[in-house]
Structure formats: C-alpha cells, structure tokens
Amino acid sequence: MKAMPPSYSFRFHNLGIGEIQLGKKPEHIPGMLPFPSYDCKSHFRVYPDPAHYHAFTGTARGTIERDDTGIDLQYLFTGINESGFINRIFLYPQEANKQLAWRLSQLYGEPSTGQALAGTKNAWITDSETEITLFSPADDKTADTVIAFRFFHDLPALKEYIIEGSTKLK
C-alpha cells in the first residue's frame, strides 16, 4: 500500500507561499522533488527543460488569511534559474473559483486586469517587486487556472519558463 503524501498548509506572501519562495533553493524545502523524478511529469511539457523544474509532492493548501479555509492545490511547481534558485512558482488550484481574484486582492491589493488569448489575466505588483498573476480560462477549466510568481524584473523567468498541460489534468 502506497503511503499518503504529507499535507501542508502554506500562507500566501509577496515571495510565494510558505517556505516555497522566489530566490530560495528548492532542495532545501521539504516535499520538493526534481521534476524528472516526479510521477506526473508526463502530464506536462516544461520549458526550457525538465532539469529547470521541481514539483511539490505533498498535498498543499494555500491560505490568504489566518482563518481562511484555503485554496487546495492540485499541482505546485517551481522553476529554477541557472544558479539553482527559484525564479518562478506555478500553483494550480483544484477548483476554478470566480472568487479567486477577489481573495488574492485581499492580500495584494487591486490587480490590473486584462484579457488574455483564452481567458482573463489578473496581475499584482508588490512592494517587493514581485509579480503575481492569476490566469483564469474563459471556459472555467480548473486544470488551466494558474497562479504564478516571479520577480518583476526577471524577464527570462517570464519569457522562458513555461509549463503546459499535455493532457487533461484531472
């Protein structure tokens, strides 16, 4: 019988969630596994290559406030730069929720909102120069809803670090 993965509750903040933070080394974070060793790697295509990613292997929930019920996460990935530090964080909620942007606004303030190719993109820039984006697809598919973190001035993290679901994620 396979052991259940540990369950973690992380608080959202300007650099990520809990210990999973931009600028930190993923191998120092419990539950992080190099992407090539991740069981569900076949469900995703990653760019520039799998060696630049880590996946969280436990059950994760992100909370915004102390008494918050939280956002259950289906997948959590980090991209790492050439020096081995986290430069992107990708969070995939288990449920698409029209209130997600409102809930993130409670912590990060009013977002800039725009239409993306196939949905809506909300973006927040924090005082610590971190950009948090929420992409919500027009058709409300949970698998394509993603919350991403990066340092605002890190353009390679924005343009070169991409994760695509290669099959239906659920």
C-alpha atoms as a PDB file:
ATOM      1  CA  MET A   1       0.000   0.000   0.000  1.00  0.00           C
ATOM      2  CA  LYS A   2       1.369   3.390  -1.020  1.00  0.00           C
ATOM      3  CA  ALA A   3       1.843   5.915   1.810  1.00  0.00           C
ATOM      4  CA  MET A   4      -0.246   9.093   1.696  1.00  0.00           C
ATOM      5  CA  PRO A   5       1.831  12.189   0.923  1.00  0.00           C
ATOM      6  CA  PRO A   6       2.160  14.692   3.766  1.00  0.00           C
ATOM      7  CA  SER A   7      -0.314  17.575   3.854  1.00  0.00           C
ATOM      8  CA  TYR A   8       0.903  21.167   4.109  1.00  0.00           C
ATOM      9  CA  SER A   9      -0.843  24.490   4.619  1.00  0.00           C
ATOM     10  CA  PHE A  10       1.100  27.477   3.291  1.00  0.00           C
ATOM     11  CA  ARG A  11       0.369  31.188   3.724  1.00  0.00           C
ATOM     12  CA  PHE A  12       0.494  33.383   0.622  1.00  0.00           C
ATOM     13  CA  HIS A  13       3.007  36.263   0.854  1.00  0.00           C
ATOM     14  CA  ASN A  14       4.932  38.515  -1.535  1.00  0.00           C
ATOM     15  CA  LEU A  15       7.598  35.925  -2.436  1.00  0.00           C
ATOM     16  CA  GLY A  16       5.391  32.846  -2.823  1.00  0.00           C
ATOM     17  CA  ILE A  17       3.628  30.607  -0.332  1.00  0.00           C
ATOM     18  CA  GLY A  18       5.117  29.418   2.945  1.00  0.00           C
ATOM     19  CA  GLU A  19       8.680  28.182   2.526  1.00  0.00           C
ATOM     20  CA  ILE A  20       8.279  27.972  -1.258  1.00  0.00           C
ATOM     21  CA  GLN A  21       9.731  31.356  -2.134  1.00  0.00           C
ATOM     22  CA  LEU A  22      11.385  33.118  -5.022  1.00  0.00           C
ATOM     23  CA  GLY A  23      15.140  33.235  -4.506  1.00  0.00           C
ATOM     24  CA  LYS A  24      15.273  30.082  -2.372  1.00  0.00           C
ATOM     25  CA  LYS A  25      16.831  26.731  -3.341  1.00  0.00           C
ATOM     26  CA  PRO A  26      14.113  24.062  -3.803  1.00  0.00           C
ATOM     27  CA  GLU A  27      16.232  21.228  -2.425  1.00  0.00           C
ATOM     28  CA  HIS A  28      16.095  22.980   0.977  1.00  0.00           C
ATOM     29  CA  ILE A  29      12.279  22.756   1.029  1.00  0.00           C
ATOM     30  CA  PRO A  30      10.593  19.598   2.359  1.00  0.00           C
ATOM     31  CA  GLY A  31       8.373  17.935  -0.247  1.00  0.00           C
ATOM     32  CA  MET A  32      10.144  19.362  -3.326  1.00  0.00           C
ATOM     33  CA  LEU A  33      11.362  16.821  -5.879  1.00  0.00           C
ATOM     34  CA  PRO A  34      13.328  17.373  -9.113  1.00  0.00           C
ATOM     35  CA  PHE A  35      10.827  17.343 -11.982  1.00  0.00           C
ATOM     36  CA  PRO A  36      12.465  14.403 -13.830  1.00  0.00           C
ATOM     37  CA  SER A  37      11.668  12.223 -10.753  1.00  0.00           C
ATOM     38  CA  TYR A  38       8.049  13.453 -10.441  1.00  0.00           C
ATOM     39  CA  ASP A  39       5.368  10.761 -11.014  1.00  0.00           C
ATOM     40  CA  CYS A  40       3.014  13.045 -13.001  1.00  0.00           C
ATOM     41  CA  LYS A  41       5.693  14.560 -15.253  1.00  0.00           C
ATOM     42  CA  SER A  42       4.115  13.001 -18.352  1.00  0.00           C
ATOM     43  CA  HIS A  43       1.091  15.304 -17.916  1.00  0.00           C
ATOM     44  CA  PHE A  44       3.204  18.412 -18.545  1.00  0.00           C
ATOM     45  CA  ARG A  45       5.597  19.946 -21.028  1.00  0.00           C
ATOM     46  CA  VAL A  46       8.108  22.272 -19.412  1.00  0.00           C
ATOM     47  CA  TYR A  47      10.402  24.836 -20.995  1.00  0.00           C
ATOM     48  CA  PRO A  48      13.334  25.353 -21.119  1.00  0.00           C
ATOM     49  CA  ASP A  49      13.749  21.727 -19.914  1.00  0.00           C
ATOM     50  CA  PRO A  50      12.775  19.410 -17.008  1.00  0.00           C
ATOM     51  CA  ALA A  51      16.104  19.983 -15.215  1.00  0.00           C
ATOM     52  CA  HIS A  52      14.963  23.565 -14.541  1.00  0.00           C
ATOM     53  CA  TYR A  53      11.897  22.487 -12.517  1.00  0.00           C
ATOM     54  CA  HIS A  54      10.890  20.968  -9.205  1.00  0.00           C
ATOM     55  CA  ALA A  55       7.483  19.652  -8.185  1.00  0.00           C
ATOM     56  CA  PHE A  56       5.887  19.592  -4.753  1.00  0.00           C
ATOM     57  CA  THR A  57       4.935  16.021  -3.858  1.00  0.00           C
ATOM     58  CA  GLY A  58       2.712  16.568  -0.813  1.00  0.00           C
ATOM     59  CA  THR A  59      -0.872  17.741  -0.557  1.00  0.00           C
ATOM     60  CA  ALA A  60      -0.845  21.542  -0.405  1.00  0.00           C
ATOM     61  CA  ARG A  61      -3.285  24.273   0.524  1.00  0.00           C
ATOM     62  CA  GLY A  62      -2.610  27.992   0.259  1.00  0.00           C
ATOM     63  CA  THR A  63      -4.196  30.342   2.780  1.00  0.00           C
ATOM     64  CA  ILE A  64      -4.571  34.079   2.468  1.00  0.00           C
ATOM     65  CA  GLU A  65      -5.659  34.979   5.992  1.00  0.00           C
ATOM     66  CA  ARG A  66      -5.198  33.246   9.324  1.00  0.00           C
ATOM     67  CA  ASP A  67      -8.808  31.974   9.480  1.00  0.00           C
ATOM     68  CA  ASP A  68      -9.021  31.309   5.734  1.00  0.00           C
ATOM     69  CA  THR A  69     -10.345  27.920   4.606  1.00  0.00           C
ATOM     70  CA  GLY A  70      -7.643  27.959   1.945  1.00  0.00           C
ATOM     71  CA  ILE A  71      -7.168  27.101  -1.698  1.00  0.00           C
ATOM     72  CA  ASP A  72      -6.485  23.416  -2.292  1.00  0.00           C
ATOM     73  CA  LEU A  73      -3.726  22.994  -4.855  1.00  0.00           C
ATOM     74  CA  GLN A  74      -3.712  20.262  -7.449  1.00  0.00           C
ATOM     75  CA  TYR A  75      -0.138  20.941  -8.588  1.00  0.00           C
ATOM     76  CA  LEU A  76       2.719  23.144  -7.378  1.00  0.00           C
ATOM     77  CA  PHE A  77       5.869  23.631  -9.464  1.00  0.00           C
ATOM     78  CA  THR A  78       8.940  25.823  -9.207  1.00  0.00           C
ATOM     79  CA  GLY A  79      11.284  26.877 -11.978  1.00  0.00           C
ATOM     80  CA  ILE A  80      14.940  27.371 -11.121  1.00  0.00           C
ATOM     81  CA  ASN A  81      17.463  29.619 -12.811  1.00  0.00           C
ATOM     82  CA  GLU A  82      20.994  28.638 -13.856  1.00  0.00           C
ATOM     83  CA  SER A  83      22.225  29.279 -10.282  1.00  0.00           C
ATOM     84  CA  GLY A  84      19.657  26.851  -8.816  1.00  0.00           C
ATOM     85  CA  PHE A  85      17.403  29.469  -7.178  1.00  0.00           C
ATOM     86  CA  ILE A  86      13.627  29.538  -7.605  1.00  0.00           C
ATOM     87  CA  ASN A  87      12.674  32.139 -10.208  1.00  0.00           C
ATOM     88  CA  ARG A  88       9.082  31.004 -10.934  1.00  0.00           C
ATOM     89  CA  ILE A  89       6.343  29.431  -8.855  1.00  0.00           C
ATOM     90  CA  PHE A  90       3.263  27.882 -10.501  1.00  0.00           C
ATOM     91  CA  LEU A  91       0.196  26.983  -8.413  1.00  0.00           C
ATOM     92  CA  TYR A  92      -2.710  25.057  -9.932  1.00  0.00           C
ATOM     93  CA  PRO A  93      -5.883  25.247  -7.774  1.00  0.00           C
ATOM     94  CA  GLN A  94      -8.060  22.135  -7.560  1.00  0.00           C
ATOM     95  CA  GLU A  95     -11.225  24.128  -8.202  1.00  0.00           C
ATOM     96  CA  ALA A  96     -11.810  27.028 -10.548  1.00  0.00           C
ATOM     97  CA  ASN A  97     -13.416  29.752  -8.494  1.00  0.00           C
ATOM     98  CA  LYS A  98     -14.666  33.106  -9.685  1.00  0.00           C
ATOM     99  CA  GLN A  99     -13.802  34.499  -6.234  1.00  0.00           C
ATOM    100  CA  LEU A 100     -10.097  33.632  -6.540  1.00  0.00           C
ATOM    101  CA  ALA A 101      -9.068  37.051  -7.906  1.00  0.00           C
ATOM    102  CA  TRP A 102     -11.084  38.783  -5.189  1.00  0.00           C
ATOM    103  CA  ARG A 103      -9.462  36.625  -2.498  1.00  0.00           C
ATOM    104  CA  LEU A 104      -5.944  37.345  -3.799  1.00  0.00           C
ATOM    105  CA  SER A 105      -6.842  41.063  -3.919  1.00  0.00           C
ATOM    106  CA  GLN A 106      -7.459  40.925  -0.163  1.00  0.00           C
ATOM    107  CA  LEU A 107      -3.729  40.330   0.259  1.00  0.00           C
ATOM    108  CA  TYR A 108      -2.122  42.023  -2.738  1.00  0.00           C
ATOM    109  CA  GLY A 109      -4.485  44.942  -3.413  1.00  0.00           C
ATOM    110  CA  GLU A 110      -6.284  45.889  -6.598  1.00  0.00           C
ATOM    111  CA  PRO A 111      -4.989  43.973  -9.663  1.00  0.00           C
ATOM    112  CA  SER A 112      -4.531  45.130 -13.189  1.00  0.00           C
ATOM    113  CA  THR A 113      -6.906  43.045 -15.271  1.00  0.00           C
ATOM    114  CA  GLY A 114      -6.732  42.205 -18.926  1.00  0.00           C
ATOM    115  CA  GLN A 115      -7.958  39.735 -21.476  1.00  0.00           C
ATOM    116  CA  ALA A 116      -5.523  37.030 -22.484  1.00  0.00           C
ATOM    117  CA  LEU A 117      -5.832  34.800 -25.554  1.00  0.00           C
ATOM    118  CA  ALA A 118      -8.222  32.350 -23.930  1.00  0.00           C
ATOM    119  CA  GLY A 119      -9.250  33.961 -20.670  1.00  0.00           C
ATOM    120  CA  THR A 120      -8.568  36.654 -18.097  1.00  0.00           C
ATOM    121  CA  LYS A 121      -5.268  37.653 -16.548  1.00  0.00           C
ATOM    122  CA  ASN A 122      -5.099  39.480 -13.215  1.00  0.00           C
ATOM    123  CA  ALA A 123      -1.704  40.809 -12.124  1.00  0.00           C
ATOM    124  CA  TRP A 124      -0.445  42.287  -8.883  1.00  0.00           C
ATOM    125  CA  ILE A 125       2.931  44.002  -8.389  1.00  0.00           C
ATOM    126  CA  THR A 126       4.027  44.029  -4.748  1.00  0.00           C
ATOM    127  CA  ASP A 127       6.264  46.476  -2.882  1.00  0.00           C
ATOM    128  CA  SER A 128       8.994  43.838  -3.017  1.00  0.00           C
ATOM    129  CA  GLU A 129       8.807  43.969  -6.845  1.00  0.00           C
ATOM    130  CA  THR A 130       7.214  40.574  -7.203  1.00  0.00           C
ATOM    131  CA  GLU A 131       4.588  39.960  -9.859  1.00  0.00           C
ATOM    132  CA  ILE A 132       1.760  37.597  -9.007  1.00  0.00           C
ATOM    133  CA  THR A 133      -0.511  36.626 -11.894  1.00  0.00           C
ATOM    134  CA  LEU A 134      -3.742  34.699 -11.982  1.00  0.00           C
ATOM    135  CA  PHE A 135      -4.784  33.278 -15.330  1.00  0.00           C
ATOM    136  CA  SER A 136      -8.403  32.133 -15.477  1.00  0.00           C
ATOM    137  CA  PRO A 137      -9.506  30.490 -18.734  1.00  0.00           C
ATOM    138  CA  ALA A 138     -12.695  31.706 -20.370  1.00  0.00           C
ATOM    139  CA  ASP A 139     -14.241  28.237 -20.176  1.00  0.00           C
ATOM    140  CA  ASP A 140     -13.527  27.876 -16.395  1.00  0.00           C
ATOM    141  CA  LYS A 141     -11.447  24.724 -16.839  1.00  0.00           C
ATOM    142  CA  THR A 142      -9.798  24.092 -13.482  1.00  0.00           C
ATOM    143  CA  ALA A 143      -6.704  22.489 -14.994  1.00  0.00           C
ATOM    144  CA  ASP A 144      -5.812  25.686 -16.837  1.00  0.00           C
ATOM    145  CA  THR A 145      -6.229  28.083 -13.895  1.00  0.00           C
ATOM    146  CA  VAL A 146      -2.784  29.050 -12.625  1.00  0.00           C
ATOM    147  CA  ILE A 147      -1.323  31.452 -10.072  1.00  0.00           C
ATOM    148  CA  ALA A 148       2.298  32.342 -10.864  1.00  0.00           C
ATOM    149  CA  PHE A 149       5.002  34.272  -9.005  1.00  0.00           C
ATOM    150  CA  ARG A 150       8.179  35.859 -10.377  1.00  0.00           C
ATOM    151  CA  PHE A 151      10.407  38.823  -9.637  1.00  0.00           C
ATOM    152  CA  PHE A 152       9.039  41.678 -11.769  1.00  0.00           C
ATOM    153  CA  HIS A 153      12.376  42.492 -13.432  1.00  0.00           C
ATOM    154  CA  ASP A 154      13.245  38.847 -14.208  1.00  0.00           C
ATOM    155  CA  LEU A 155      12.223  38.789 -17.878  1.00  0.00           C
ATOM    156  CA  PRO A 156      13.837  35.381 -18.629  1.00  0.00           C
ATOM    157  CA  ALA A 157      11.602  33.885 -15.909  1.00  0.00           C
ATOM    158  CA  LEU A 158       8.577  35.369 -17.680  1.00  0.00           C
ATOM    159  CA  LYS A 159       9.506  34.503 -21.255  1.00  0.00           C
ATOM    160  CA  GLU A 160      11.489  31.266 -20.964  1.00  0.00           C
ATOM    161  CA  TYR A 161       9.882  29.366 -18.064  1.00  0.00           C
ATOM    162  CA  ILE A 162       6.622  27.864 -19.295  1.00  0.00           C
ATOM    163  CA  ILE A 163       4.552  24.879 -18.197  1.00  0.00           C
ATOM    164  CA  GLU A 164       1.863  23.408 -20.434  1.00  0.00           C
ATOM    165  CA  GLY A 165      -0.523  20.603 -19.567  1.00  0.00           C
ATOM    166  CA  SER A 166      -0.018  17.982 -22.251  1.00  0.00           C
ATOM    167  CA  THR A 167      -3.171  16.022 -21.413  1.00  0.00           C
ATOM    168  CA  LYS A 168      -6.356  16.565 -19.454  1.00  0.00           C
ATOM    169  CA  LEU A 169      -5.054  17.125 -15.910  1.00  0.00           C
ATOM    170  CA  LYS A 170      -7.986  15.709 -13.967  1.00  0.00           C
END
